[in-house]
Amino acid sequence: MNEYSSANQHAGGVAISQDNLVELMHRLETTLDNAYSCEEAFALLDEYVELVATTEEAEQLMPLVKNHLDLCPDCRDEFEILLHILKTADSTPDE
């Protein structure tokens, strides 16, 4: 049994790929001390989307939401969907 196999057994037998480990380390390195949870970011997501759609200052005005979106693919997907809906609604002519 090599060191990696032994370490995996001590960690409940869960293997972590090199790519997953690198991604985890990147997230730990870029997470701010007062980072938002998914729930906190989601509560502000509509406001952030409107800022992104109307101004370049969204990142400066809401850096913790931006940081969370950079690290969380699920919340980033929600953001992109909302932004697409907002841009589509703005470009649709009124009837």
Protein backbone atom coordinates (compact mmCIF):
# COMPACT_ATOMS: atom_id res chain seq x y z
CA MET A 1 0.00 0.00 0.00
CA ASN A 2 1.50 3.36 -1.01
CA GLU A 3 1.29 6.64 0.96
CA TYR A 4 -1.60 7.95 -1.17
CA SER A 5 -3.71 4.83 -0.63
CA SER A 6 -2.99 4.88 3.06
CA ALA A 7 -3.97 8.55 3.34
CA ASN A 8 -7.20 7.89 1.45
CA GLN A 9 -8.19 5.15 3.88
CA HIS A 10 -7.64 7.47 6.82
CA ALA A 11 -9.84 10.09 5.11
CA GLY A 12 -12.77 7.72 4.79
CA GLY A 13 -11.57 6.10 1.58
CA VAL A 14 -12.45 9.10 -0.59
CA ALA A 15 -9.95 9.69 -3.38
CA ILE A 16 -9.28 13.24 -4.52
CA SER A 17 -7.95 13.75 -8.02
CA GLN A 18 -5.04 16.09 -8.65
CA ASP A 19 -7.37 18.46 -10.57
CA ASN A 20 -9.87 18.53 -7.69
CA LEU A 21 -7.10 19.19 -5.21
CA VAL A 22 -5.73 22.06 -7.31
CA GLU A 23 -9.26 23.54 -7.64
CA LEU A 24 -9.81 23.24 -3.88
CA MET A 25 -6.50 24.94 -3.12
CA HIS A 26 -7.36 27.75 -5.58
CA ARG A 27 -10.71 28.27 -3.87
CA LEU A 28 -9.11 28.37 -0.43
CA GLU A 29 -6.50 30.83 -1.64
CA THR A 30 -9.00 33.21 -3.24
CA THR A 31 -11.78 33.03 -0.64
CA LEU A 32 -12.05 36.24 1.34
CA ASP A 33 -12.17 36.11 5.15
CA ASN A 34 -15.71 37.49 5.21
CA ALA A 35 -16.87 35.57 2.13
CA TYR A 36 -20.56 35.10 1.45
CA SER A 37 -22.31 31.76 1.61
CA CYS A 38 -24.50 30.69 -1.32
CA GLU A 39 -27.56 31.86 0.60
CA GLU A 40 -26.07 35.31 1.25
CA ALA A 41 -24.92 35.74 -2.34
CA PHE A 42 -28.24 34.54 -3.74
CA ALA A 43 -30.13 37.08 -1.62
CA LEU A 44 -28.21 39.86 -3.38
CA LEU A 45 -27.99 38.27 -6.82
CA ASP A 46 -30.83 40.21 -8.45
CA GLU A 47 -29.32 43.51 -7.31
CA TYR A 48 -25.87 42.45 -8.53
CA VAL A 49 -27.26 41.38 -11.92
CA GLU A 50 -28.90 44.78 -12.37
CA LEU A 51 -25.63 46.52 -11.51
CA VAL A 52 -23.70 44.37 -13.97
CA ALA A 53 -26.24 45.11 -16.69
CA THR A 54 -26.17 48.87 -16.13
CA THR A 55 -22.68 49.75 -14.85
CA GLU A 56 -19.08 48.62 -14.82
CA GLU A 57 -18.86 49.27 -11.06
CA ALA A 58 -20.68 46.13 -9.88
CA GLU A 59 -17.45 44.43 -8.81
CA GLN A 60 -16.39 47.46 -6.78
CA LEU A 61 -19.82 47.99 -5.23
CA MET A 62 -20.42 44.34 -4.34
CA PRO A 63 -17.01 42.62 -4.13
CA LEU A 64 -18.20 39.81 -1.86
CA VAL A 65 -20.87 38.76 -4.35
CA LYS A 66 -18.29 38.87 -7.16
CA ASN A 67 -15.88 36.79 -5.09
CA HIS A 68 -18.56 34.20 -4.38
CA LEU A 69 -19.53 33.98 -8.06
CA ASP A 70 -15.88 33.50 -9.00
CA LEU A 71 -15.69 30.49 -6.69
CA CYS A 72 -19.13 28.90 -6.91
CA PRO A 73 -20.16 27.41 -10.26
CA ASP A 74 -23.77 26.85 -9.17
CA CYS A 75 -24.31 30.47 -8.15
CA ARG A 76 -22.41 31.65 -11.23
CA ASP A 77 -24.83 29.64 -13.39
CA GLU A 78 -27.78 31.34 -11.65
CA PHE A 79 -26.15 34.72 -12.22
CA GLU A 80 -25.61 34.04 -15.92
CA ILE A 81 -29.21 32.89 -16.35
CA LEU A 82 -30.57 36.00 -14.61
CA LEU A 83 -28.28 38.27 -16.62
CA HIS A 84 -29.39 36.62 -19.87
CA ILE A 85 -33.06 37.04 -18.90
CA LEU A 86 -32.52 40.71 -18.02
CA LYS A 87 -30.65 41.46 -21.25
CA THR A 88 -33.26 39.59 -23.31
CA ALA A 89 -36.11 41.46 -21.60
CA ASP A 90 -34.36 44.80 -22.23
CA SER A 91 -33.89 44.04 -25.93
CA THR A 92 -37.48 42.85 -26.52
CA PRO A 93 -39.60 45.61 -28.08
CA ASP A 94 -42.67 46.66 -26.11
CA GLU A 95 -45.95 45.56 -27.61
